[in-house]
Every structure is written in C-alpha cells, then in structure tokens.
C-alpha atoms as a PDB file:
ATOM      1  CA  MET A   1      -6.799 -52.331  57.453  1.00  0.00           C
ATOM      2  CA  ALA A   2      -3.831 -50.244  56.717  1.00  0.00           C
ATOM      3  CA  VAL A   3      -0.927 -49.627  58.944  1.00  0.00           C
ATOM      4  CA  ILE A   4       0.363 -46.184  59.169  1.00  0.00           C
ATOM      5  CA  ILE A   5       3.767 -45.464  60.902  1.00  0.00           C
ATOM      6  CA  LYS A   6       3.814 -41.781  62.369  1.00  0.00           C
ATOM      7  CA  TYR A   7       7.153 -40.241  63.695  1.00  0.00           C
ATOM      8  CA  ILE A   8       6.277 -37.561  66.403  1.00  0.00           C
ATOM      9  CA  VAL A   9       8.589 -35.007  67.448  1.00  0.00           C
ATOM     10  CA  GLU A  10       8.280 -34.335  71.042  1.00  0.00           C
ATOM     11  CA  ARG A  11      10.016 -31.217  72.939  1.00  0.00           C
ATOM     12  CA  LYS A  12       9.662 -31.075  76.737  1.00  0.00           C
ATOM     13  CA  GLY A  13       6.487 -33.252  76.703  1.00  0.00           C
ATOM     14  CA  VAL A  14       4.784 -31.246  73.776  1.00  0.00           C
ATOM     15  CA  GLU A  15       4.267 -32.323  70.612  1.00  0.00           C
ATOM     16  CA  LYS A  16       5.577 -30.360  68.083  1.00  0.00           C
ATOM     17  CA  MET A  17       5.417 -31.923  64.711  1.00  0.00           C
ATOM     18  CA  THR A  18       4.063 -35.250  63.244  1.00  0.00           C
ATOM     19  CA  PHE A  19       5.705 -36.899  60.190  1.00  0.00           C
ATOM     20  CA  THR A  20       5.458 -40.001  58.020  1.00  0.00           C
ATOM     21  CA  SER A  21       9.126 -40.046  57.285  1.00  0.00           C
ATOM     22  CA  LYS A  22      11.743 -40.636  59.847  1.00  0.00           C
ATOM     23  CA  LYS A  23      14.310 -38.691  57.757  1.00  0.00           C
ATOM     24  CA  GLU A  24      12.097 -35.728  57.807  1.00  0.00           C
ATOM     25  CA  ALA A  25      11.230 -36.210  61.593  1.00  0.00           C
ATOM     26  CA  ASP A  26      15.165 -36.649  62.273  1.00  0.00           C
ATOM     27  CA  ALA A  27      15.762 -32.954  60.316  1.00  0.00           C
ATOM     28  CA  TYR A  28      12.990 -31.428  62.225  1.00  0.00           C
ATOM     29  CA  ASP A  29      14.447 -32.586  65.720  1.00  0.00           C
ATOM     30  CA  LYS A  30      17.886 -31.223  64.738  1.00  0.00           C
ATOM     31  CA  MET A  31      16.668 -27.911  63.628  1.00  0.00           C
ATOM     32  CA  LEU A  32      14.973 -27.810  66.985  1.00  0.00           C
ATOM     33  CA  ASP A  33      18.302 -28.924  68.615  1.00  0.00           C
ATOM     34  CA  SER A  34      19.998 -26.237  66.571  1.00  0.00           C
ATOM     35  CA  ALA A  35      17.293 -23.651  67.749  1.00  0.00           C
ATOM     36  CA  ASP A  36      17.826 -24.386  71.451  1.00  0.00           C
ATOM     37  CA  GLN A  37      21.662 -23.980  71.078  1.00  0.00           C
ATOM     38  CA  LEU A  38      21.245 -20.565  69.154  1.00  0.00           C
ATOM     39  CA  ALA A  39      18.852 -19.337  72.004  1.00  0.00           C
ATOM     40  CA  GLU A  40      21.004 -20.422  74.750  1.00  0.00           C
ATOM     41  CA  PHE A  41      24.081 -18.582  72.759  1.00  0.00           C
ATOM     42  CA  LEU A  42      21.995 -15.618  72.511  1.00  0.00           C
ATOM     43  CA  SER A  43      21.120 -15.429  76.029  1.00  0.00           C
ATOM     44  CA  GLU A  44      24.752 -15.080  76.882  1.00  0.00           C
ATOM     45  CA  SER A  45      24.955 -12.282  74.834  1.00  0.00           C
ATOM     46  CA  SER A  46      24.508  -8.232  75.949  1.00  0.00           C
ATOM     47  CA  VAL A  47      21.421  -8.271  73.704  1.00  0.00           C
ATOM     48  CA  THR A  48      18.560  -8.178  76.221  1.00  0.00           C
ATOM     49  CA  LEU A  49      15.787 -10.661  75.192  1.00  0.00           C
ATOM     50  CA  ASP A  50      13.043 -12.312  77.258  1.00  0.00           C
ATOM     51  CA  ASP A  51      12.677 -16.226  77.063  1.00  0.00           C
ATOM     52  CA  GLN A  52       9.995 -16.222  74.528  1.00  0.00           C
ATOM     53  CA  GLN A  53      12.063 -13.729  72.051  1.00  0.00           C
ATOM     54  CA  LEU A  54      15.337 -16.151  72.760  1.00  0.00           C
ATOM     55  CA  GLU A  55      13.385 -19.197  71.448  1.00  0.00           C
ATOM     56  CA  GLU A  56      11.746 -17.400  68.669  1.00  0.00           C
ATOM     57  CA  LEU A  57      14.974 -15.787  67.403  1.00  0.00           C
ATOM     58  CA  GLY A  58      16.457 -19.363  67.670  1.00  0.00           C
ATOM     59  CA  LEU A  59      13.781 -20.990  65.815  1.00  0.00           C
ATOM     60  CA  TYR A  60      14.053 -18.526  63.012  1.00  0.00           C
ATOM     61  CA  LEU A  61      17.577 -18.575  62.563  1.00  0.00           C
ATOM     62  CA  ALA A  62      17.927 -22.389  62.903  1.00  0.00           C
ATOM     63  CA  SER A  63      15.082 -22.683  60.455  1.00  0.00           C
ATOM     64  CA  ASN A  64      16.669 -20.032  57.871  1.00  0.00           C
ATOM     65  CA  LYS A  65      20.005 -21.888  58.369  1.00  0.00           C
ATOM     66  CA  GLU A  66      21.007 -21.837  54.700  1.00  0.00           C
ATOM     67  CA  MET A  67      20.364 -18.265  54.480  1.00  0.00           C
ATOM     68  CA  VAL A  68      22.276 -17.546  57.457  1.00  0.00           C
ATOM     69  CA  GLN A  69      25.185 -19.439  56.330  1.00  0.00           C
ATOM     70  CA  SER A  70      25.012 -17.941  52.911  1.00  0.00           C
ATOM     71  CA  LEU A  71      25.395 -14.575  54.676  1.00  0.00           C
ATOM     72  CA  PHE A  72      28.446 -15.550  56.677  1.00  0.00           C
ATOM     73  CA  LYS A  73      30.099 -16.391  53.292  1.00  0.00           C
ATOM     74  CA  GLY A  74      29.555 -12.661  52.028  1.00  0.00           C
ATOM     75  CA  ASN A  75      26.599 -13.089  49.982  1.00  0.00           C
ATOM     76  CA  SER A  76      23.878 -10.529  49.646  1.00  0.00           C
ATOM     77  CA  PHE A  77      20.597 -10.900  51.286  1.00  0.00           C
ATOM     78  CA  VAL A  78      17.723 -10.760  48.852  1.00  0.00           C
ATOM     79  CA  SER A  79      14.325  -9.988  50.357  1.00  0.00           C
ATOM     80  CA  GLY A  80      11.715 -12.808  49.480  1.00  0.00           C
ATOM     81  CA  ALA A  81      14.642 -15.151  48.667  1.00  0.00           C
ATOM     82  CA  GLN A  82      14.919 -17.189  51.918  1.00  0.00           C
ATOM     83  CA  ASP A  83      14.576 -20.692  50.451  1.00  0.00           C
ATOM     84  CA  ALA A  84      17.121 -20.036  47.903  1.00  0.00           C
ATOM     85  CA  PRO A  85      20.284 -18.834  48.910  1.00  0.00           C
ATOM     86  CA  GLU A  86      22.424 -17.108  46.487  1.00  0.00           C
ATOM     87  CA  SER A  87      25.492 -19.398  45.339  1.00  0.00           C
ATOM     88  CA  GLU A  88      29.074 -18.257  45.317  1.00  0.00           C
END
C-alpha cells in the first residue's frame, strides 16, 4: 500500500487545486492571495467592473506577475511571450 500526501488549496470552502508538493501549493495559494488583493484594489478604481470581472482580472494579473512587473520596468510586451518576460 502506498501513502500519498496531497496538498489542497481551498478558498471560501471551495477546493481550487490539489498538489503533491507543499511548495507548489503554497505558491498557488500566494498567487490567489495576490489575485484577491488586486481585485480589491481594482474595485476601488473608477473602472466599472462586476465582481466576476474583478476576480478574473485579479487572477489574470496575479498569474502573469512576472510579465506585469517587466512591463512596469519599461520592457516591451511581446505577444505570446507571457511565460518569459524580457530581461533588462
């Protein structure tokens, strides 16, 4: 019999994702925390978005953190290169 350890990321009583690595689960949980904070920040702006749009936009920005940071550093956006931001 094998023993398998699984790490489950849960938000508001809903299972979001299951991982076999605590490090991956913690990273995903942190990304979800960032998405929540971004959605809250955006909700205070003059841009009119419903709750679903705020959640989706916050999640998109958080999951593309490296690209967003690269853009704030003045690097150019390269379509299709979301996984590999330009180096300085």
